[in-house]
Structure formats: C-alpha cells, structure tokens
C-alpha cells in the first residue's frame, strides 16, 4: 500500500496509510501535537516512553502518560500515539481481530525484543498482520560503539550479521530495520510488512535526536475507524 502525503499550505505534515477499518499516520517535525489534533479530530492517548519492553492496553478513557513503550486497543476512534526521533515507530493492525498496536522501538527496545513480545502477547498464529514501520534512522547513519553492537548481534534467535565495522570512523553501523524484520519472522506468523523508507537523520523534514542533539519528536499514530 502506498503512503499518501498530507500537505496543507504546501507544508508536508506527514504520510498516512488508510485501510477499510484503520488509519496509520507518520508525522514530520512540522506536525506538532496541536496540529495533529486539528488534522485528525480524534481522541488520542500518548505514553511516557522509557525505552522499555512494557506493553499496556489503552482504552478510550485511559489517561495520558502511562509508562510503557507499546500500547494496544480494540476501541474505536482512539488514536494510539507514539513519539520518535530516530527510533522505529511500529504500527500493527490485525484485519481479523481488529486489534491495533503502536510500538516505540529504539535500539534498546530492539535488544529487549519489544516488537516480537508485543505480537506474541496480542495475536495468535491465525492472525494476518499488517505491520508498518515509519521514518527512523537507517544503518548508514546509525553509528554505535562495540558494546551496543554486541547487544544487537545477539537479540535475534541466532547471531545475526546486520552490522559492520567502519574502520575510518572507528565505529560500528547497524541496520535496525533488518533486525526488526528478523525478529518478526522468527514468530512464524503471517504478516505483511511495509516500511516508509525515510531516514530521519538525513531527511530534515523529520526530527532526529542524533542530528539536532536536543528535544525533538515525530508524532505517529494508529487508529481503528470501524
């Protein structure tokens, strides 16, 4: 499914994916929380994210800022918000059960396997999952030291080869998108994966913590519409 750009007065506010029963949106840095609510006049619930592997259920009357990095819902017209600034914003929709979930997955979340843990907790082997990953840092821009490299090497069921050492920089690079896909494939559950191929570090339409070195965020959400 192709993403549809959302523009107003020639400003790009983000990209959306629309299903028959769900909506997914990935915002640019131009789309702050107030603008998001004007573009999509819905009920939104956000989390207090801590780079954990914690999953919680969100109801239409849930208060903001529950401590977790993934939430799910069956409720209609309740947007599950995630904020990122290089981390992976992962949205999941099950066309059978109509369960939706939103996951904030940085490298720590990947190491803690928050994506497969969320899927295993919510969905059964007969699910047909639609999984979307929005703008995030790509391997060409994701420089890390040896300690993080070694943790990422062993966060799949078998040692992976998704990283490399760059001698001239004395740094490692790692492909978090490939690790995420590998962790999902290990579950042996039917899924369709779409990746919005935007590197937050190099594309200045998006906030990047590594580039901007300060408070910044890209807002994303998934919403069940019927």
Protein backbone atom coordinates (compact mmCIF):
# COMPACT_ATOMS: atom_id res chain seq x y z
CA UNK A 1 0.00 0.00 0.00
CA UNK A 2 1.37 3.40 -0.99
CA UNK A 3 1.61 6.17 1.59
CA UNK A 4 -0.38 9.33 0.93
CA UNK A 5 1.39 12.63 1.77
CA UNK A 6 -0.61 15.06 3.91
CA UNK A 7 0.03 18.65 2.85
CA UNK A 8 -1.52 21.97 3.86
CA UNK A 9 -0.36 25.36 2.51
CA UNK A 10 2.49 23.48 0.82
CA UNK A 11 3.75 22.17 4.16
CA UNK A 12 4.31 18.43 4.47
CA UNK A 13 2.79 17.30 7.75
CA UNK A 14 3.24 13.57 7.26
CA UNK A 15 2.12 10.43 5.48
CA UNK A 16 -0.92 8.24 6.00
CA UNK A 17 -1.98 4.68 5.20
CA UNK A 18 -5.74 4.01 5.13
CA UNK A 19 -7.38 0.62 5.49
CA UNK A 20 -11.06 -0.22 5.42
CA UNK A 21 -11.08 -0.24 9.23
CA UNK A 22 -7.89 1.54 10.31
CA UNK A 23 -5.70 4.59 9.73
CA UNK A 24 -1.95 4.93 10.27
CA UNK A 25 -0.17 8.29 10.24
CA UNK A 26 3.52 9.21 10.44
CA UNK A 27 4.13 12.91 11.08
CA UNK A 28 7.01 15.16 10.15
CA UNK A 29 8.54 17.62 12.61
CA UNK A 30 6.16 20.29 11.23
CA UNK A 31 3.28 18.37 12.78
CA UNK A 32 3.26 19.13 16.48
CA UNK A 33 0.66 17.61 18.77
CA UNK A 34 -1.80 20.51 18.44
CA UNK A 35 -1.58 20.43 14.64
CA UNK A 36 -2.07 16.67 14.68
CA UNK A 37 -5.29 17.05 16.65
CA UNK A 38 -6.55 19.64 14.16
CA UNK A 39 -5.77 17.43 11.18
CA UNK A 40 -7.37 14.40 12.85
CA UNK A 41 -10.06 15.46 15.36
CA UNK A 42 -9.95 12.21 17.33
CA UNK A 43 -9.25 11.05 20.86
CA UNK A 44 -5.51 10.48 21.27
CA UNK A 45 -3.62 8.65 24.03
CA UNK A 46 0.13 9.02 24.44
CA UNK A 47 2.65 7.16 26.58
CA UNK A 48 5.50 8.12 28.84
CA UNK A 49 8.20 6.27 26.92
CA UNK A 50 11.27 4.90 28.70
CA UNK A 51 12.87 2.54 26.12
CA UNK A 52 11.40 -0.45 27.94
CA UNK A 53 9.65 -3.59 26.66
CA UNK A 54 6.40 -2.80 28.51
CA UNK A 55 3.05 -3.22 26.73
CA UNK A 56 -0.24 -1.81 28.07
CA UNK A 57 -3.85 -1.79 26.92
CA UNK A 58 -5.27 1.61 26.01
CA UNK A 59 -8.98 2.33 26.38
CA UNK A 60 -10.87 5.38 25.20
CA UNK A 61 -10.89 6.71 28.79
CA UNK A 62 -7.22 5.95 29.53
CA UNK A 63 -5.26 8.93 30.84
CA UNK A 64 -2.13 10.18 29.09
CA UNK A 65 1.43 9.36 30.07
CA UNK A 66 1.14 5.77 31.27
CA UNK A 67 4.69 4.44 31.48
CA UNK A 68 5.20 1.99 28.59
CA UNK A 69 6.69 1.78 25.11
CA UNK A 70 3.87 -0.12 23.40
CA UNK A 71 0.11 0.05 23.67
CA UNK A 72 -2.83 -1.70 22.06
CA UNK A 73 -6.58 -1.28 21.78
CA UNK A 74 -9.84 -2.60 20.36
CA UNK A 75 -11.63 0.70 20.91
CA UNK A 76 -12.95 2.73 18.01
CA UNK A 77 -11.72 6.25 17.23
CA UNK A 78 -8.91 6.14 19.80
CA UNK A 79 -5.53 7.05 18.33
CA UNK A 80 -2.53 5.28 19.86
CA UNK A 81 0.26 7.85 19.79
CA UNK A 82 4.00 7.19 19.62
CA UNK A 83 6.74 9.82 19.53
CA UNK A 84 10.12 9.13 17.96
CA UNK A 85 13.22 10.98 16.82
CA UNK A 86 15.31 8.22 15.17
CA UNK A 87 13.69 5.20 16.86
CA UNK A 88 11.34 2.88 14.95
CA UNK A 89 7.62 3.76 15.11
CA UNK A 90 5.90 0.41 14.54
CA UNK A 91 2.15 0.14 13.90
CA UNK A 92 0.29 -3.19 13.72
CA UNK A 93 -3.23 -3.91 12.51
CA UNK A 94 -4.88 -7.34 12.56
CA UNK A 95 -7.63 -7.45 9.96
CA UNK A 96 -9.26 -10.44 11.72
CA UNK A 97 -9.46 -9.39 15.37
CA UNK A 98 -9.29 -5.63 14.58
CA UNK A 99 -6.69 -5.22 17.33
CA UNK A 100 -4.30 -2.33 16.78
CA UNK A 101 -0.98 -1.64 18.46
CA UNK A 102 1.69 1.06 18.41
CA UNK A 103 5.30 0.42 19.41
CA UNK A 104 8.23 2.72 20.13
CA UNK A 105 11.38 0.71 19.39
CA UNK A 106 14.82 2.24 19.72
CA UNK A 107 17.94 0.12 19.85
CA UNK A 108 17.22 -0.71 23.50
CA UNK A 109 13.69 -1.76 22.59
CA UNK A 110 15.08 -3.91 19.78
CA UNK A 111 17.55 -5.53 22.19
CA UNK A 112 14.66 -6.15 24.63
CA UNK A 113 12.61 -7.61 21.71
CA UNK A 114 9.65 -5.32 22.29
CA UNK A 115 8.22 -5.95 18.80
CA UNK A 116 8.00 -9.79 18.96
CA UNK A 117 6.94 -9.62 22.62
CA UNK A 118 4.05 -7.33 21.70
CA UNK A 119 2.99 -9.54 18.79
CA UNK A 120 3.20 -12.72 20.89
CA UNK A 121 1.11 -11.15 23.65
CA UNK A 122 -1.69 -9.92 21.39
CA UNK A 123 -2.01 -12.00 18.26
CA UNK A 124 -2.43 -15.70 17.53
CA UNK A 125 -0.97 -17.83 14.76
CA UNK A 126 -4.08 -17.36 12.60
CA UNK A 127 -3.74 -13.58 12.56
CA UNK A 128 -2.97 -11.77 9.34
CA UNK A 129 -0.89 -8.86 10.49
CA UNK A 130 -0.30 -5.63 8.64
CA UNK A 131 2.89 -4.16 10.08
CA UNK A 132 4.12 -0.67 9.23
CA UNK A 133 7.41 0.93 10.22
CA UNK A 134 7.72 4.67 9.76
CA UNK A 135 10.63 7.08 9.39
CA UNK A 136 13.63 6.10 11.51
CA UNK A 137 17.40 6.19 11.45
CA UNK A 138 18.96 3.96 8.78
CA UNK A 139 22.12 1.90 9.07
CA UNK A 140 24.21 4.37 7.06
CA UNK A 141 23.58 6.96 9.80
CA UNK A 142 23.37 4.78 12.91
CA UNK A 143 26.85 4.82 14.42
CA UNK A 144 27.42 2.90 17.64
CA UNK A 145 30.19 1.60 19.85
CA UNK A 146 31.19 -2.01 20.36
CA UNK A 147 29.06 -2.57 23.47
CA UNK A 148 25.80 -1.70 21.67
CA UNK A 149 26.94 -3.64 18.59
CA UNK A 150 27.43 -6.79 20.66
CA UNK A 151 23.97 -6.48 22.24
CA UNK A 152 22.32 -6.11 18.84
CA UNK A 153 24.24 -9.10 17.47
CA UNK A 154 22.53 -11.48 19.88
CA UNK A 155 18.97 -10.07 20.05
CA UNK A 156 17.74 -12.48 17.38
CA UNK A 157 17.39 -16.22 18.00
CA UNK A 158 20.61 -16.84 16.13
CA UNK A 159 23.56 -14.41 15.86
CA UNK A 160 22.84 -12.00 13.02
CA UNK A 161 25.03 -10.14 10.57
CA UNK A 162 23.18 -6.85 10.22
CA UNK A 163 26.05 -4.67 11.44
CA UNK A 164 29.52 -3.76 10.24
CA UNK A 165 32.65 -2.05 11.49
CA UNK A 166 33.74 1.17 9.74
CA UNK A 167 37.47 1.43 10.36
CA UNK A 168 37.94 5.05 9.27
CA UNK A 169 35.41 6.18 11.87
CA UNK A 170 36.27 3.55 14.48
CA UNK A 171 32.53 2.96 14.80
CA UNK A 172 30.01 0.25 14.05
CA UNK A 173 26.91 0.73 11.91
CA UNK A 174 23.76 -1.33 12.39
CA UNK A 175 20.57 -1.92 10.44
CA UNK A 176 17.73 -1.80 12.97
CA UNK A 177 15.14 -2.37 10.26
CA UNK A 178 16.68 -5.71 9.32
CA UNK A 179 16.85 -6.77 12.96
CA UNK A 180 13.18 -5.86 13.43
CA UNK A 181 12.15 -7.88 10.38
CA UNK A 182 14.20 -10.86 11.52
CA UNK A 183 12.60 -10.81 14.98
CA UNK A 184 9.13 -10.75 13.42
CA UNK A 185 9.95 -13.60 11.02
CA UNK A 186 11.06 -15.75 13.96
CA UNK A 187 7.44 -15.84 15.20
CA UNK A 188 6.27 -17.82 12.14
CA UNK A 189 3.05 -15.82 11.86
CA UNK A 190 1.63 -14.49 8.57
CA UNK A 191 2.38 -10.81 8.13
CA UNK A 192 2.72 -8.08 5.55
CA UNK A 193 5.47 -5.55 6.30
CA UNK A 194 5.56 -2.06 4.79
CA UNK A 195 8.42 0.35 5.51
CA UNK A 196 8.15 4.08 4.89
CA UNK A 197 11.68 4.46 3.55
CA UNK A 198 12.73 7.76 5.14
CA UNK A 199 15.97 8.22 7.10
CA UNK A 200 15.29 10.64 9.94
CA UNK A 201 18.97 11.58 10.21
CA UNK A 202 19.39 12.66 6.58
CA UNK A 203 15.84 13.85 5.81
CA UNK A 204 15.48 17.18 7.61
CA UNK A 205 11.69 17.07 7.29
CA UNK A 206 11.84 14.74 10.28
CA UNK A 207 13.21 15.28 13.75
CA UNK A 208 16.42 13.42 14.57
CA UNK A 209 17.88 13.34 18.05
CA UNK A 210 21.31 12.46 16.71
CA UNK A 211 21.27 15.34 14.23
CA UNK A 212 19.60 18.00 16.38
CA UNK A 213 21.05 17.00 19.79
CA UNK A 214 18.03 18.22 21.72
CA UNK A 215 14.34 17.69 22.48
CA UNK A 216 12.54 16.81 19.27
CA UNK A 217 9.85 14.39 18.14
CA UNK A 218 7.87 12.98 15.27
CA UNK A 219 4.30 12.05 16.20
CA UNK A 220 2.76 8.87 14.79
CA UNK A 221 -0.46 7.02 15.49
CA UNK A 222 -2.72 4.14 14.54
CA UNK A 223 -6.50 4.41 14.81
CA UNK A 224 -9.28 1.87 14.44
CA UNK A 225 -12.04 3.58 12.45
CA UNK A 226 -14.70 0.84 12.38
